N, C-alpha and C. Protein backbone atom coordinates (compact mmCIF):
# COMPACT_ATOMS: atom_id res chain seq x y z
N MET A 1 2.53 12.48 -15.69
CA MET A 1 2.10 11.45 -13.92
C MET A 1 1.47 10.80 -14.03
N LYS A 2 1.64 10.01 -12.34
CA LYS A 2 1.37 8.62 -11.78
C LYS A 2 0.93 9.21 -10.80
N LEU A 3 -0.77 7.95 -10.29
CA LEU A 3 -1.21 8.26 -9.16
C LEU A 3 -0.41 6.89 -8.83
N LEU A 4 -0.07 6.61 -7.29
CA LEU A 4 0.28 4.96 -7.27
C LEU A 4 -0.66 4.80 -6.35
N VAL A 5 -0.82 3.01 -6.01
CA VAL A 5 -1.77 3.62 -5.26
C VAL A 5 -0.39 2.41 -4.39
N PHE A 6 -0.97 1.85 -3.79
CA PHE A 6 0.32 0.46 -2.20
C PHE A 6 -0.74 0.35 -1.23
N VAL A 7 -0.98 -1.27 -1.48
CA VAL A 7 -1.93 -1.84 -0.53
C VAL A 7 -1.05 -2.83 0.53
N LEU A 8 -1.03 -1.72 1.75
CA LEU A 8 0.14 -2.75 2.42
C LEU A 8 0.06 -3.48 3.32
N ASN A 9 0.20 -4.73 3.27
CA ASN A 9 -0.05 -5.63 4.94
C ASN A 9 0.94 -5.62 6.15
N LYS A 10 1.82 -5.43 5.77
CA LYS A 10 2.57 -4.88 6.69
C LYS A 10 2.69 -3.73 7.29
N VAL A 11 1.29 -3.65 8.01
CA VAL A 11 1.46 -2.26 8.73
C VAL A 11 2.28 -1.80 9.22
N GLU A 12 3.06 -2.85 10.13
CA GLU A 12 4.38 -2.35 11.05
C GLU A 12 5.50 -1.75 10.94
N MET A 13 4.65 -1.50 9.31
CA MET A 13 6.88 -1.33 7.69
C MET A 13 6.23 0.53 7.54
N LEU A 14 4.78 0.24 8.33
CA LEU A 14 4.48 1.50 7.12
C LEU A 14 4.91 3.05 7.83
N GLU A 15 6.05 3.46 9.10
CA GLU A 15 6.74 3.82 8.97
C GLU A 15 8.18 4.30 9.31
N PRO A 16 8.81 3.18 8.75
CA PRO A 16 10.22 2.73 7.83
C PRO A 16 9.94 3.40 6.32
N LEU A 17 9.14 3.01 6.57
CA LEU A 17 8.49 3.18 4.77
C LEU A 17 8.10 4.50 4.56
N LEU A 18 7.24 5.20 5.37
CA LEU A 18 7.35 6.57 5.26
C LEU A 18 8.77 7.21 5.91
N GLU A 19 9.15 6.94 6.22
CA GLU A 19 10.32 8.19 6.17
C GLU A 19 11.27 7.86 4.38
N ARG A 20 11.61 6.17 4.59
CA ARG A 20 12.17 6.22 3.02
C ARG A 20 11.91 6.26 1.72
N PHE A 21 10.52 7.01 1.58
CA PHE A 21 9.74 8.06 0.92
C PHE A 21 10.58 9.25 1.01
N SER A 22 10.46 9.25 2.46
CA SER A 22 11.04 11.23 2.69
C SER A 22 12.40 11.13 1.98
N HIS A 23 13.11 9.93 2.84
CA HIS A 23 14.80 9.92 2.18
C HIS A 23 14.83 10.30 0.16
N ASP A 24 13.93 9.64 0.03
CA ASP A 24 13.91 9.05 -1.81
C ASP A 24 13.51 10.06 -2.74
N GLY A 25 13.03 11.96 -1.95
CA GLY A 25 12.28 12.58 -2.18
C GLY A 25 10.65 12.89 -2.27
N ILE A 26 10.47 12.01 -2.44
CA ILE A 26 8.37 11.60 -2.22
C ILE A 26 8.00 11.96 -1.21
N SER A 27 6.90 13.23 -0.97
CA SER A 27 7.21 13.90 0.06
C SER A 27 5.86 14.08 0.08
N GLY A 28 4.59 13.13 -0.40
CA GLY A 28 3.63 13.85 0.31
C GLY A 28 2.75 12.17 -0.56
N ALA A 29 1.43 11.81 0.81
CA ALA A 29 1.05 10.70 1.05
C ALA A 29 -0.02 10.45 0.92
N THR A 30 -1.46 9.85 0.46
CA THR A 30 -2.60 9.71 1.80
C THR A 30 -2.46 8.64 2.37
N ILE A 31 -2.60 8.22 3.73
CA ILE A 31 -2.90 6.99 3.80
C ILE A 31 -4.20 6.81 4.34
N LEU A 32 -4.58 5.88 3.44
CA LEU A 32 -6.11 5.22 4.63
C LEU A 32 -5.45 3.56 5.27
N ASN A 33 -6.99 3.45 6.60
CA ASN A 33 -7.02 2.54 6.95
C ASN A 33 -8.17 2.09 6.18
N SER A 34 -7.54 0.20 5.76
CA SER A 34 -8.05 -0.18 4.80
C SER A 34 -7.94 -1.71 5.34
N ASN A 35 -9.50 -2.13 4.48
CA ASN A 35 -10.06 -4.11 5.29
C ASN A 35 -9.55 -5.05 3.78
N GLY A 36 -8.99 -6.34 3.64
CA GLY A 36 -9.60 -6.65 2.24
C GLY A 36 -10.81 -7.82 2.49
N MET A 37 -11.63 -7.82 1.04
CA MET A 37 -12.34 -8.32 0.85
C MET A 37 -12.34 -9.88 2.32
N ALA A 38 -11.13 -10.88 1.99
CA ALA A 38 -11.72 -11.55 2.53
C ALA A 38 -11.90 -11.48 4.11
N HIS A 39 -10.84 -10.95 4.78
CA HIS A 39 -11.17 -10.45 6.16
C HIS A 39 -12.73 -10.13 6.51
N THR A 40 -13.72 -9.15 5.41
CA THR A 40 -14.51 -8.07 5.59
C THR A 40 -15.39 -9.70 5.74
N LEU A 41 -15.46 -9.86 4.47
CA LEU A 41 -15.99 -11.15 4.34
C LEU A 41 -16.95 -12.29 4.85
N SER A 42 -14.93 -12.50 6.03
CA SER A 42 -15.21 -13.42 7.10
C SER A 42 -16.61 -12.99 8.31
N GLU A 43 -16.04 -11.51 9.04
CA GLU A 43 -16.99 -10.37 9.90
C GLU A 43 -18.35 -11.21 9.35
N TYR A 44 -18.21 -10.91 8.21
CA TYR A 44 -20.00 -11.64 8.14
C TYR A 44 -20.29 -11.99 7.14
N GLY A 45 -20.49 -12.87 7.81
CA GLY A 45 -20.89 -14.46 7.00
C GLY A 45 -19.64 -15.51 6.88
N GLY A 46 -18.47 -16.16 7.09
CA GLY A 46 -17.68 -16.77 7.44
C GLY A 46 -17.24 -17.63 6.70
N SER A 47 -17.44 -16.80 5.48
CA SER A 47 -17.31 -17.49 3.69
C SER A 47 -15.84 -18.66 4.42
N PHE A 48 -15.91 -19.52 3.39
CA PHE A 48 -14.47 -20.44 3.71
C PHE A 48 -13.15 -19.41 3.69
N LEU A 49 -13.05 -18.88 2.33
CA LEU A 49 -11.72 -17.65 1.84
C LEU A 49 -11.80 -17.05 3.37
N GLY A 50 -12.04 -17.00 4.22
CA GLY A 50 -12.01 -15.68 5.13
C GLY A 50 -11.77 -16.53 6.24
N SER A 51 -12.40 -17.25 6.81
CA SER A 51 -12.30 -18.46 7.17
C SER A 51 -10.51 -19.22 7.61
N LEU A 52 -10.11 -19.61 5.84
CA LEU A 52 -8.50 -19.91 5.66
C LEU A 52 -8.17 -19.03 6.68
N ARG A 53 -7.94 -18.30 5.94
CA ARG A 53 -7.25 -16.52 6.25
C ARG A 53 -7.25 -16.75 7.57
N ALA A 54 -8.51 -16.19 7.95
CA ALA A 54 -8.10 -15.98 10.21
C ALA A 54 -7.38 -17.00 10.15
N ILE A 55 -6.98 -18.74 9.54
CA ILE A 55 -6.39 -19.64 10.14
C ILE A 55 -4.54 -18.94 10.01
N LEU A 56 -4.32 -18.88 8.31
CA LEU A 56 -3.18 -19.11 8.48
C LEU A 56 -3.10 -17.35 8.86
N ASN A 57 -3.98 -16.45 8.82
CA ASN A 57 -3.23 -14.80 9.82
C ASN A 57 -4.08 -14.46 11.08
N PRO A 58 -4.05 -15.05 11.76
CA PRO A 58 -5.01 -14.07 13.01
C PRO A 58 -5.20 -13.11 13.63
N ASP A 59 -3.49 -13.01 12.93
CA ASP A 59 -3.63 -11.08 13.66
C ASP A 59 -3.98 -9.80 12.80
N ARG A 60 -3.75 -10.12 11.44
CA ARG A 60 -3.57 -8.62 10.44
C ARG A 60 -4.81 -9.10 10.30
N VAL A 61 -5.61 -7.81 10.70
CA VAL A 61 -7.43 -7.41 10.58
C VAL A 61 -7.20 -6.83 9.51
N GLU A 62 -6.09 -5.93 9.27
CA GLU A 62 -5.92 -3.93 8.27
C GLU A 62 -5.01 -4.42 7.89
N SER A 63 -4.64 -3.18 6.82
CA SER A 63 -3.92 -2.84 6.08
C SER A 63 -4.25 -1.34 6.09
N ARG A 64 -3.01 -1.11 5.35
CA ARG A 64 -2.89 0.59 5.71
C ARG A 64 -3.16 0.88 3.41
N THR A 65 -3.54 1.28 3.03
CA THR A 65 -3.75 1.89 1.19
C THR A 65 -2.99 3.01 1.69
N LEU A 66 -1.65 3.53 0.96
CA LEU A 66 -1.17 4.79 0.80
C LEU A 66 -1.53 5.37 -0.50
N PHE A 67 -1.34 6.56 -1.38
CA PHE A 67 -2.33 6.84 -2.48
C PHE A 67 -0.87 8.33 -2.74
N THR A 68 -0.11 8.20 -3.79
CA THR A 68 1.37 9.47 -3.65
C THR A 68 0.70 9.72 -5.76
N VAL A 69 0.50 10.89 -5.66
CA VAL A 69 1.00 11.47 -6.92
C VAL A 69 1.65 12.06 -7.77
N LEU A 70 2.89 10.87 -8.22
CA LEU A 70 3.91 11.09 -8.87
C LEU A 70 4.49 11.11 -9.99
N PRO A 71 5.50 12.25 -10.26
CA PRO A 71 6.06 12.44 -11.87
C PRO A 71 7.27 10.47 -12.09
N GLU A 72 6.86 10.64 -12.64
CA GLU A 72 6.59 9.59 -13.94
C GLU A 72 8.24 9.04 -13.66
N GLU A 73 9.14 9.48 -13.87
CA GLU A 73 10.35 9.41 -12.67
C GLU A 73 10.54 9.55 -11.93
N GLN A 74 9.44 9.23 -10.66
CA GLN A 74 9.97 8.51 -10.27
C GLN A 74 8.84 7.45 -9.29
N VAL A 75 8.69 7.26 -9.95
CA VAL A 75 7.86 5.71 -9.73
C VAL A 75 9.02 4.62 -9.63
N GLU A 76 9.63 4.43 -10.06
CA GLU A 76 10.81 3.61 -9.83
C GLU A 76 11.36 3.48 -8.56
N ALA A 77 11.37 5.24 -8.32
CA ALA A 77 11.59 4.59 -6.69
C ALA A 77 11.33 5.18 -5.74
N ALA A 78 9.91 4.70 -5.84
CA ALA A 78 8.94 4.42 -5.28
C ALA A 78 8.40 3.18 -5.42
N LEU A 79 8.67 2.47 -6.31
CA LEU A 79 9.14 1.04 -5.97
C LEU A 79 10.04 0.42 -5.47
N HIS A 80 11.04 0.87 -5.58
CA HIS A 80 12.24 0.70 -4.43
C HIS A 80 12.35 0.68 -3.71
N ALA A 81 11.66 1.41 -2.96
CA ALA A 81 11.55 1.83 -1.72
C ALA A 81 10.71 0.95 -1.04
N ILE A 82 9.43 0.68 -1.99
CA ILE A 82 8.31 0.35 -1.15
C ILE A 82 8.81 -1.84 -0.89
N GLU A 83 9.51 -2.08 -1.60
CA GLU A 83 10.48 -3.88 -1.78
C GLU A 83 11.98 -3.62 -0.76
N LEU A 84 12.57 -2.20 -1.11
CA LEU A 84 13.28 -2.36 0.08
C LEU A 84 13.13 -2.64 1.43
N VAL A 85 11.66 -1.88 1.99
CA VAL A 85 11.56 -1.79 3.51
C VAL A 85 10.06 -2.99 3.80
N VAL A 86 9.59 -3.28 2.73
CA VAL A 86 8.48 -4.37 2.71
C VAL A 86 8.51 -5.61 2.14
N GLY A 87 9.89 -5.84 1.20
CA GLY A 87 10.15 -7.15 1.15
C GLY A 87 9.26 -7.03 -0.81
N ASP A 88 9.79 -8.66 -0.70
CA ASP A 88 9.14 -8.61 -2.27
C ASP A 88 8.14 -8.86 -1.96
N LEU A 89 7.02 -7.80 -3.39
CA LEU A 89 5.47 -8.17 -3.11
C LEU A 89 4.93 -9.27 -3.93
N SER A 90 6.12 -10.16 -4.28
CA SER A 90 5.55 -11.29 -4.67
C SER A 90 5.18 -12.91 -4.00
N LYS A 91 5.56 -11.79 -2.65
CA LYS A 91 5.92 -12.80 -1.62
C LYS A 91 4.56 -13.11 -1.38
N PRO A 92 3.18 -13.72 -0.76
CA PRO A 92 2.29 -13.79 0.08
C PRO A 92 1.87 -12.63 1.36
N ASP A 93 1.02 -11.52 0.98
CA ASP A 93 0.36 -11.17 2.27
C ASP A 93 1.29 -10.02 2.79
N THR A 94 1.93 -10.01 2.02
CA THR A 94 2.88 -8.56 1.86
C THR A 94 2.45 -7.01 1.40
N GLY A 95 1.50 -7.00 0.44
CA GLY A 95 1.00 -6.04 0.03
C GLY A 95 1.10 -6.04 -2.14
N ILE A 96 -0.24 -4.90 -2.74
CA ILE A 96 -0.24 -4.57 -3.82
C ILE A 96 0.38 -3.14 -4.28
N VAL A 97 0.66 -3.67 -5.79
CA VAL A 97 1.11 -2.23 -5.70
C VAL A 97 0.76 -1.23 -7.66
N PHE A 98 0.15 -0.50 -8.03
CA PHE A 98 -0.05 -0.20 -8.77
C PHE A 98 -0.63 0.78 -9.11
N THR A 99 -0.38 1.69 -10.03
CA THR A 99 -0.13 2.47 -11.04
C THR A 99 -1.34 2.64 -12.12
N VAL A 100 -1.78 4.20 -11.66
CA VAL A 100 -3.08 4.85 -12.97
C VAL A 100 -2.48 6.30 -13.90
N PRO A 101 -2.47 6.11 -14.99
CA PRO A 101 -2.35 7.90 -15.38
C PRO A 101 -2.98 8.87 -14.59
N VAL A 102 -2.29 10.26 -14.39
CA VAL A 102 -2.91 11.10 -13.84
C VAL A 102 -3.24 12.69 -14.72
N ASP A 103 -4.03 12.17 -15.08
CA ASP A 103 -4.44 13.39 -16.58
C ASP A 103 -4.46 14.91 -15.75
N PHE A 104 -4.67 15.20 -14.38
CA PHE A 104 -5.00 17.09 -14.26
C PHE A 104 -4.89 16.16 -12.73
N THR A 105 -4.27 17.96 -12.43
CA THR A 105 -4.02 17.98 -10.54
C THR A 105 -4.90 19.33 -10.59
N LYS A 106 -4.70 19.62 -8.98
CA LYS A 106 -4.69 20.72 -8.78
C LYS A 106 -4.41 20.95 -6.75
N GLY A 107 -3.95 21.48 -5.94
CA GLY A 107 -4.14 21.60 -4.83
C GLY A 107 -2.99 20.42 -4.32
N ILE A 108 -2.12 20.53 -5.01
CA ILE A 108 -1.40 19.60 -4.47
C ILE A 108 0.06 20.49 -5.21
N LYS A 109 0.88 20.30 -4.28
CA LYS A 109 2.01 20.75 -4.18
C LYS A 109 3.03 19.13 -4.70
N LEU A 110 4.39 19.86 -6.50
CA LEU A 110 5.18 18.51 -6.71
C LEU A 110 6.28 19.51 -7.00
N ASP A 111 7.27 18.22 -7.26
CA ASP A 111 8.53 19.52 -6.81
C ASP A 111 9.15 19.08 -8.28
């Protein structure tokens, strides 16, 4: 089992991504509103990095962070869905994704 964490910078792509997940058999995720460190620093003191970020992308102020626990064999499908919908994650200001091993779960149904 893996915990897949995806920080989505293109928040307008959330619904299409969830639809793609559902289409691909990924049936559950938790979604949190989130802010990056640079944006938060720009709000509290105007760091150089935060100021630069505000100039380069003034409209985006928050992200969405998705958490989903998957069987290991579904991770590739999830990664494919993410890049199919959101685009190449190596491009700036798209998002980041990583997985963490899960040793125990209770209270979630995994097919």
